[in-house]
Amino acid sequence: MDHEEVEKKIMEINTSDIMKNISDRNSKIVEVTGSGTFISAAKAIVDHIRDLFYGSLQIVSKGVIVQKSQYGVEEGICFSMPLVCHGNGEYAVLDDLTIKENQKNRIKDCVQELLKEKELVKNFLTESENP
């Protein structure tokens, strides 16, 4: 098998796994809520924007570009981090939470998976998009 065939096979496997996971998630959301996943996605977007612009008194979890290595997540990765939203788009990542060992391991696994995906995607970007 040459390099192109291997890459194609990897993409087929990853795509089928991703599609199965999406399908399973969609079915579960419809079963629980009685409505399609678009409602779930729309609500998540509204909640996310509301917290950022109006602030939140609670600790929330939001996907942000990590500015400095925290909780085992290296800088520059988009990752869900614990934060407090101050409003007007301002937020602060909390850096003093205690993370249990099993949580550290799950975070480490997620980071490794994201880094692998980042490398796979680089092959599909043009030179100007891939610094």
N, C-alpha and C. Protein backbone atom coordinates (compact mmCIF):
# COMPACT_ATOMS: atom_id res chain seq x y z
N MET A 1 0.85 -1.16 0.00
CA MET A 1 0.00 0.00 0.00
C MET A 1 0.91 1.24 0.00
N ASP A 2 0.65 2.19 -0.92
CA ASP A 2 1.47 3.39 -0.94
C ASP A 2 0.91 4.45 0.02
N HIS A 3 1.64 5.57 0.13
CA HIS A 3 1.30 6.63 1.09
C HIS A 3 -0.12 7.16 0.87
N GLU A 4 -0.51 7.39 -0.38
CA GLU A 4 -1.85 7.92 -0.68
C GLU A 4 -2.94 6.95 -0.25
N GLU A 5 -2.71 5.66 -0.50
CA GLU A 5 -3.70 4.66 -0.11
C GLU A 5 -3.85 4.59 1.42
N VAL A 6 -2.73 4.71 2.12
CA VAL A 6 -2.77 4.68 3.59
C VAL A 6 -3.55 5.89 4.10
N GLU A 7 -3.26 7.10 3.58
CA GLU A 7 -3.99 8.29 4.00
C GLU A 7 -5.48 8.17 3.72
N LYS A 8 -5.82 7.64 2.55
CA LYS A 8 -7.23 7.48 2.19
C LYS A 8 -7.92 6.53 3.16
N LYS A 9 -7.26 5.43 3.51
CA LYS A 9 -7.82 4.46 4.43
C LYS A 9 -8.02 5.08 5.82
N ILE A 10 -7.03 5.86 6.28
CA ILE A 10 -7.14 6.53 7.58
C ILE A 10 -8.34 7.46 7.58
N MET A 11 -8.50 8.24 6.51
CA MET A 11 -9.62 9.17 6.43
C MET A 11 -10.95 8.43 6.40
N GLU A 12 -11.02 7.29 5.70
CA GLU A 12 -12.25 6.50 5.65
C GLU A 12 -12.61 5.99 7.05
N ILE A 13 -11.61 5.48 7.77
CA ILE A 13 -11.86 4.96 9.11
C ILE A 13 -12.31 6.08 10.02
N ASN A 14 -11.56 7.19 10.03
CA ASN A 14 -11.91 8.33 10.89
C ASN A 14 -13.28 8.88 10.54
N THR A 15 -13.58 9.00 9.25
CA THR A 15 -14.86 9.54 8.82
C THR A 15 -16.01 8.63 9.26
N SER A 16 -15.84 7.32 9.10
CA SER A 16 -16.93 6.42 9.49
C SER A 16 -17.14 6.44 11.01
N ASP A 17 -16.06 6.50 11.78
CA ASP A 17 -16.18 6.60 13.24
C ASP A 17 -16.87 7.89 13.63
N ILE A 18 -16.46 8.98 13.02
CA ILE A 18 -17.05 10.29 13.33
C ILE A 18 -18.53 10.29 12.99
N MET A 19 -18.88 9.79 11.83
CA MET A 19 -20.28 9.78 11.41
C MET A 19 -21.12 8.90 12.34
N LYS A 20 -20.58 7.77 12.78
CA LYS A 20 -21.32 6.92 13.71
C LYS A 20 -21.55 7.65 15.03
N ASN A 21 -20.51 8.31 15.54
CA ASN A 21 -20.64 9.05 16.80
C ASN A 21 -21.65 10.18 16.67
N ILE A 22 -21.62 10.89 15.56
CA ILE A 22 -22.58 11.97 15.33
C ILE A 22 -23.99 11.41 15.27
N SER A 23 -24.15 10.33 14.56
CA SER A 23 -25.47 9.71 14.42
C SER A 23 -26.00 9.26 15.78
N ASP A 24 -25.14 8.62 16.57
CA ASP A 24 -25.55 8.16 17.90
C ASP A 24 -25.93 9.35 18.78
N ARG A 25 -25.14 10.41 18.72
CA ARG A 25 -25.42 11.60 19.53
C ARG A 25 -26.74 12.22 19.10
N ASN A 26 -26.95 12.34 17.79
CA ASN A 26 -28.19 12.91 17.28
C ASN A 26 -29.40 12.12 17.77
N SER A 27 -29.32 10.81 17.68
CA SER A 27 -30.43 9.96 18.11
C SER A 27 -30.72 10.13 19.59
N LYS A 28 -29.67 10.19 20.39
CA LYS A 28 -29.83 10.33 21.84
C LYS A 28 -30.46 11.69 22.18
N ILE A 29 -30.05 12.75 21.51
CA ILE A 29 -30.63 14.08 21.77
C ILE A 29 -32.10 14.10 21.40
N VAL A 30 -32.46 13.52 20.26
CA VAL A 30 -33.87 13.46 19.85
C VAL A 30 -34.67 12.66 20.87
N GLU A 31 -34.10 11.55 21.33
CA GLU A 31 -34.78 10.70 22.32
C GLU A 31 -35.03 11.46 23.62
N VAL A 32 -34.05 12.21 24.09
CA VAL A 32 -34.16 12.91 25.37
C VAL A 32 -35.01 14.18 25.26
N THR A 33 -34.80 14.96 24.20
CA THR A 33 -35.45 16.27 24.12
C THR A 33 -36.71 16.26 23.27
N GLY A 34 -36.85 15.27 22.41
CA GLY A 34 -38.00 15.25 21.52
C GLY A 34 -37.84 16.18 20.33
N SER A 35 -36.67 16.78 20.18
CA SER A 35 -36.43 17.66 19.03
C SER A 35 -35.05 17.37 18.45
N GLY A 36 -34.81 17.94 17.30
CA GLY A 36 -33.56 17.69 16.59
C GLY A 36 -32.36 18.32 17.27
N THR A 37 -31.18 17.90 16.83
CA THR A 37 -29.94 18.41 17.42
C THR A 37 -29.71 19.87 17.11
N PHE A 38 -30.36 20.40 16.07
CA PHE A 38 -30.17 21.81 15.78
C PHE A 38 -30.64 22.67 16.95
N ILE A 39 -31.66 22.21 17.68
CA ILE A 39 -32.14 22.95 18.85
C ILE A 39 -31.06 22.96 19.93
N SER A 40 -30.42 21.82 20.13
CA SER A 40 -29.35 21.72 21.12
C SER A 40 -28.19 22.64 20.74
N ALA A 41 -27.81 22.62 19.48
CA ALA A 41 -26.71 23.47 19.01
C ALA A 41 -27.08 24.94 19.13
N ALA A 42 -28.30 25.29 18.76
CA ALA A 42 -28.75 26.68 18.84
C ALA A 42 -28.74 27.17 20.28
N LYS A 43 -29.22 26.33 21.20
CA LYS A 43 -29.23 26.73 22.62
C LYS A 43 -27.81 26.91 23.14
N ALA A 44 -26.92 26.03 22.75
CA ALA A 44 -25.52 26.14 23.20
C ALA A 44 -24.90 27.44 22.70
N ILE A 45 -25.19 27.82 21.47
CA ILE A 45 -24.67 29.07 20.92
C ILE A 45 -25.23 30.26 21.70
N VAL A 46 -26.53 30.25 21.93
CA VAL A 46 -27.16 31.35 22.67
C VAL A 46 -26.57 31.45 24.08
N ASP A 47 -26.43 30.32 24.78
CA ASP A 47 -25.87 30.33 26.13
C ASP A 47 -24.43 30.86 26.12
N HIS A 48 -23.67 30.42 25.15
CA HIS A 48 -22.26 30.82 25.04
C HIS A 48 -22.15 32.34 24.86
N ILE A 49 -22.89 32.87 23.91
CA ILE A 49 -22.84 34.31 23.62
C ILE A 49 -23.39 35.12 24.79
N ARG A 50 -24.50 34.66 25.37
CA ARG A 50 -25.09 35.36 26.52
C ARG A 50 -24.08 35.51 27.64
N ASP A 51 -23.40 34.41 27.99
CA ASP A 51 -22.41 34.47 29.06
C ASP A 51 -21.29 35.44 28.73
N LEU A 52 -20.79 35.39 27.49
CA LEU A 52 -19.69 36.27 27.11
C LEU A 52 -20.07 37.74 27.16
N PHE A 53 -21.26 38.07 26.70
CA PHE A 53 -21.63 39.48 26.60
C PHE A 53 -22.32 40.05 27.83
N TYR A 54 -23.02 39.21 28.59
CA TYR A 54 -23.70 39.71 29.78
C TYR A 54 -23.03 39.28 31.07
N GLY A 55 -22.08 38.38 30.96
CA GLY A 55 -21.39 37.90 32.14
C GLY A 55 -22.12 36.73 32.78
N SER A 56 -21.45 36.07 33.67
CA SER A 56 -22.03 34.93 34.38
C SER A 56 -21.45 34.90 35.79
N LEU A 57 -22.29 34.64 36.75
CA LEU A 57 -21.83 34.54 38.13
C LEU A 57 -21.28 33.15 38.43
N GLN A 58 -21.41 32.25 37.48
CA GLN A 58 -20.98 30.87 37.66
C GLN A 58 -19.68 30.60 36.92
N ILE A 59 -19.01 29.54 37.33
CA ILE A 59 -17.90 29.03 36.54
C ILE A 59 -18.53 28.29 35.37
N VAL A 60 -18.09 28.62 34.17
CA VAL A 60 -18.61 27.96 32.97
C VAL A 60 -17.46 27.35 32.20
N SER A 61 -17.77 26.48 31.29
CA SER A 61 -16.77 25.84 30.45
C SER A 61 -17.00 26.27 29.01
N LYS A 62 -15.98 26.84 28.40
CA LYS A 62 -16.12 27.33 27.03
C LYS A 62 -14.85 26.99 26.24
N GLY A 63 -15.04 26.72 24.98
CA GLY A 63 -13.91 26.48 24.10
C GLY A 63 -13.20 27.79 23.80
N VAL A 64 -11.94 27.89 24.19
CA VAL A 64 -11.14 29.09 23.93
C VAL A 64 -9.77 28.66 23.42
N ILE A 65 -9.09 29.58 22.76
CA ILE A 65 -7.70 29.32 22.37
C ILE A 65 -6.86 29.52 23.63
N VAL A 66 -6.19 28.47 24.05
CA VAL A 66 -5.41 28.51 25.29
C VAL A 66 -4.23 29.46 25.09
N GLN A 67 -4.13 30.46 25.98
CA GLN A 67 -3.10 31.50 25.88
C GLN A 67 -1.80 31.12 26.57
N LYS A 68 -1.89 30.29 27.60
CA LYS A 68 -0.70 29.78 28.27
C LYS A 68 -1.02 28.36 28.72
N SER A 69 -0.01 27.54 28.84
CA SER A 69 -0.22 26.15 29.21
C SER A 69 -0.89 26.06 30.58
N GLN A 70 -2.08 25.45 30.60
CA GLN A 70 -2.82 25.26 31.84
C GLN A 70 -3.49 23.90 31.83
N TYR A 71 -3.56 23.28 32.99
CA TYR A 71 -4.24 21.99 33.15
C TYR A 71 -3.72 20.93 32.18
N GLY A 72 -2.47 21.06 31.75
CA GLY A 72 -1.89 20.10 30.82
C GLY A 72 -2.25 20.35 29.37
N VAL A 73 -2.89 21.48 29.10
CA VAL A 73 -3.25 21.85 27.72
C VAL A 73 -2.25 22.90 27.25
N GLU A 74 -1.59 22.60 26.14
CA GLU A 74 -0.57 23.53 25.70
C GLU A 74 -1.15 24.74 24.97
N GLU A 75 -0.39 25.79 24.97
CA GLU A 75 -0.78 27.06 24.35
C GLU A 75 -1.12 26.87 22.87
N GLY A 76 -2.15 27.58 22.42
CA GLY A 76 -2.51 27.60 21.01
C GLY A 76 -3.56 26.59 20.60
N ILE A 77 -3.97 25.72 21.51
CA ILE A 77 -4.99 24.73 21.20
C ILE A 77 -6.35 25.29 21.61
N CYS A 78 -7.36 25.05 20.80
CA CYS A 78 -8.73 25.41 21.18
C CYS A 78 -9.24 24.28 22.08
N PHE A 79 -9.58 24.63 23.31
CA PHE A 79 -9.93 23.62 24.30
C PHE A 79 -10.96 24.20 25.25
N SER A 80 -11.83 23.38 25.77
CA SER A 80 -12.82 23.82 26.73
C SER A 80 -12.15 24.02 28.08
N MET A 81 -12.19 25.26 28.56
CA MET A 81 -11.52 25.62 29.81
C MET A 81 -12.54 26.17 30.81
N PRO A 82 -12.24 26.01 32.11
CA PRO A 82 -13.11 26.61 33.13
C PRO A 82 -12.84 28.11 33.18
N LEU A 83 -13.90 28.91 33.11
CA LEU A 83 -13.69 30.34 33.14
C LEU A 83 -14.86 31.08 33.75
N VAL A 84 -14.62 32.33 34.02
CA VAL A 84 -15.64 33.25 34.50
C VAL A 84 -15.79 34.32 33.44
N CYS A 85 -17.03 34.59 33.03
CA CYS A 85 -17.30 35.62 32.03
C CYS A 85 -17.65 36.92 32.75
N HIS A 86 -16.94 37.98 32.39
CA HIS A 86 -17.16 39.28 33.03
C HIS A 86 -18.14 40.15 32.24
N GLY A 87 -18.49 39.74 31.05
CA GLY A 87 -19.36 40.54 30.19
C GLY A 87 -18.54 41.30 29.16
N ASN A 88 -19.24 41.85 28.17
CA ASN A 88 -18.59 42.59 27.08
C ASN A 88 -17.50 41.78 26.38
N GLY A 89 -17.66 40.48 26.36
CA GLY A 89 -16.70 39.60 25.69
C GLY A 89 -15.45 39.28 26.49
N GLU A 90 -15.37 39.80 27.70
CA GLU A 90 -14.20 39.58 28.56
C GLU A 90 -14.41 38.35 29.44
N TYR A 91 -13.37 37.57 29.58
CA TYR A 91 -13.42 36.39 30.44
C TYR A 91 -12.05 36.13 31.04
N ALA A 92 -12.02 35.32 32.08
CA ALA A 92 -10.76 34.91 32.71
C ALA A 92 -10.78 33.40 32.91
N VAL A 93 -9.75 32.75 32.42
CA VAL A 93 -9.61 31.31 32.65
C VAL A 93 -9.16 31.11 34.08
N LEU A 94 -9.86 30.23 34.78
CA LEU A 94 -9.49 29.92 36.16
C LEU A 94 -8.28 28.99 36.13
N ASP A 95 -7.29 29.31 36.92
CA ASP A 95 -6.09 28.48 36.89
C ASP A 95 -5.77 27.84 38.24
N ASP A 96 -6.72 27.89 39.16
CA ASP A 96 -6.44 27.36 40.49
C ASP A 96 -7.36 26.21 40.89
N LEU A 97 -8.01 25.60 39.92
CA LEU A 97 -8.88 24.47 40.25
C LEU A 97 -8.05 23.21 40.46
N THR A 98 -8.49 22.37 41.37
CA THR A 98 -7.82 21.10 41.62
C THR A 98 -8.34 20.07 40.63
N ILE A 99 -7.42 19.43 39.94
CA ILE A 99 -7.78 18.42 38.94
C ILE A 99 -7.31 17.06 39.45
N LYS A 100 -8.25 16.12 39.50
CA LYS A 100 -7.93 14.77 39.95
C LYS A 100 -7.09 14.05 38.90
N GLU A 101 -6.39 13.02 39.33
CA GLU A 101 -5.48 12.30 38.45
C GLU A 101 -6.19 11.72 37.22
N ASN A 102 -7.38 11.14 37.42
CA ASN A 102 -8.10 10.56 36.28
C ASN A 102 -8.53 11.66 35.30
N GLN A 103 -8.84 12.86 35.83
CA GLN A 103 -9.19 13.98 34.96
C GLN A 103 -7.97 14.45 34.17
N LYS A 104 -6.82 14.48 34.82
CA LYS A 104 -5.57 14.85 34.15
C LYS A 104 -5.30 13.90 33.00
N ASN A 105 -5.52 12.62 33.23
CA ASN A 105 -5.28 11.62 32.20
C ASN A 105 -6.24 11.80 31.02
N ARG A 106 -7.50 12.10 31.30
CA ARG A 106 -8.48 12.33 30.22
C ARG A 106 -8.12 13.57 29.42
N ILE A 107 -7.70 14.62 30.12
CA ILE A 107 -7.28 15.85 29.43
C ILE A 107 -6.07 15.56 28.54
N LYS A 108 -5.11 14.83 29.09
CA LYS A 108 -3.91 14.48 28.33
C LYS A 108 -4.28 13.70 27.06
N ASP A 109 -5.20 12.74 27.20
CA ASP A 109 -5.65 11.96 26.03
C ASP A 109 -6.32 12.86 25.00
N CYS A 110 -7.16 13.79 25.46
CA CYS A 110 -7.84 14.72 24.54
C CYS A 110 -6.84 15.60 23.81
N VAL A 111 -5.86 16.11 24.54
CA VAL A 111 -4.84 16.97 23.93
C VAL A 111 -4.08 16.19 22.87
N GLN A 112 -3.69 14.96 23.19
CA GLN A 112 -2.96 14.14 22.22
C GLN A 112 -3.80 13.89 20.97
N GLU A 113 -5.08 13.64 21.16
CA GLU A 113 -5.98 13.42 20.02
C GLU A 113 -6.09 14.68 19.17
N LEU A 114 -6.21 15.84 19.82
CA LEU A 114 -6.29 17.10 19.08
C LEU A 114 -5.01 17.37 18.30
N LEU A 115 -3.87 17.07 18.91
CA LEU A 115 -2.60 17.28 18.21
C LEU A 115 -2.47 16.37 17.00
N LYS A 116 -2.94 15.13 17.13
CA LYS A 116 -2.93 14.21 15.99
C LYS A 116 -3.84 14.72 14.87
N GLU A 117 -5.03 15.19 15.25
CA GLU A 117 -5.96 15.73 14.26
C GLU A 117 -5.38 16.97 13.59
N LYS A 118 -4.69 17.79 14.36
CA LYS A 118 -4.06 18.99 13.81
C LYS A 118 -3.04 18.59 12.74
N GLU A 119 -2.27 17.56 12.99
CA GLU A 119 -1.28 17.09 12.01
C GLU A 119 -1.96 16.54 10.76
N LEU A 120 -3.07 15.80 10.94
CA LEU A 120 -3.80 15.27 9.79
C LEU A 120 -4.35 16.40 8.92
N VAL A 121 -4.87 17.43 9.55
CA VAL A 121 -5.49 18.54 8.83
C VAL A 121 -4.44 19.33 8.05
N LYS A 122 -3.23 19.41 8.57
CA LYS A 122 -2.18 20.17 7.88
C LYS A 122 -2.01 19.71 6.44
N ASN A 123 -2.22 18.42 6.19
CA ASN A 123 -2.08 17.88 4.83
C ASN A 123 -3.11 18.45 3.86
N PHE A 124 -4.21 18.98 4.38
CA PHE A 124 -5.29 19.45 3.54
C PHE A 124 -5.29 20.97 3.38
N LEU A 125 -4.41 21.65 4.10
CA LEU A 125 -4.35 23.10 4.02
C LEU A 125 -3.37 23.55 2.93
N THR A 126 -3.66 24.68 2.34
CA THR A 126 -2.70 25.25 1.40
C THR A 126 -1.53 25.82 2.19
N GLU A 127 -0.45 26.13 1.50
CA GLU A 127 0.73 26.65 2.17
C GLU A 127 0.43 27.93 2.93
N SER A 128 -0.41 28.81 2.39
CA SER A 128 -0.72 30.07 3.06
C SER A 128 -1.55 29.86 4.32
N GLU A 129 -2.31 28.77 4.39
CA GLU A 129 -3.13 28.48 5.56
C GLU A 129 -2.37 27.68 6.61
N ASN A 130 -1.22 27.15 6.25
CA ASN A 130 -0.48 26.24 7.10
C ASN A 130 0.89 26.85 7.45
N PRO A 131 0.95 27.61 8.53
CA PRO A 131 2.21 28.30 8.87
C PRO A 131 3.33 27.34 9.22
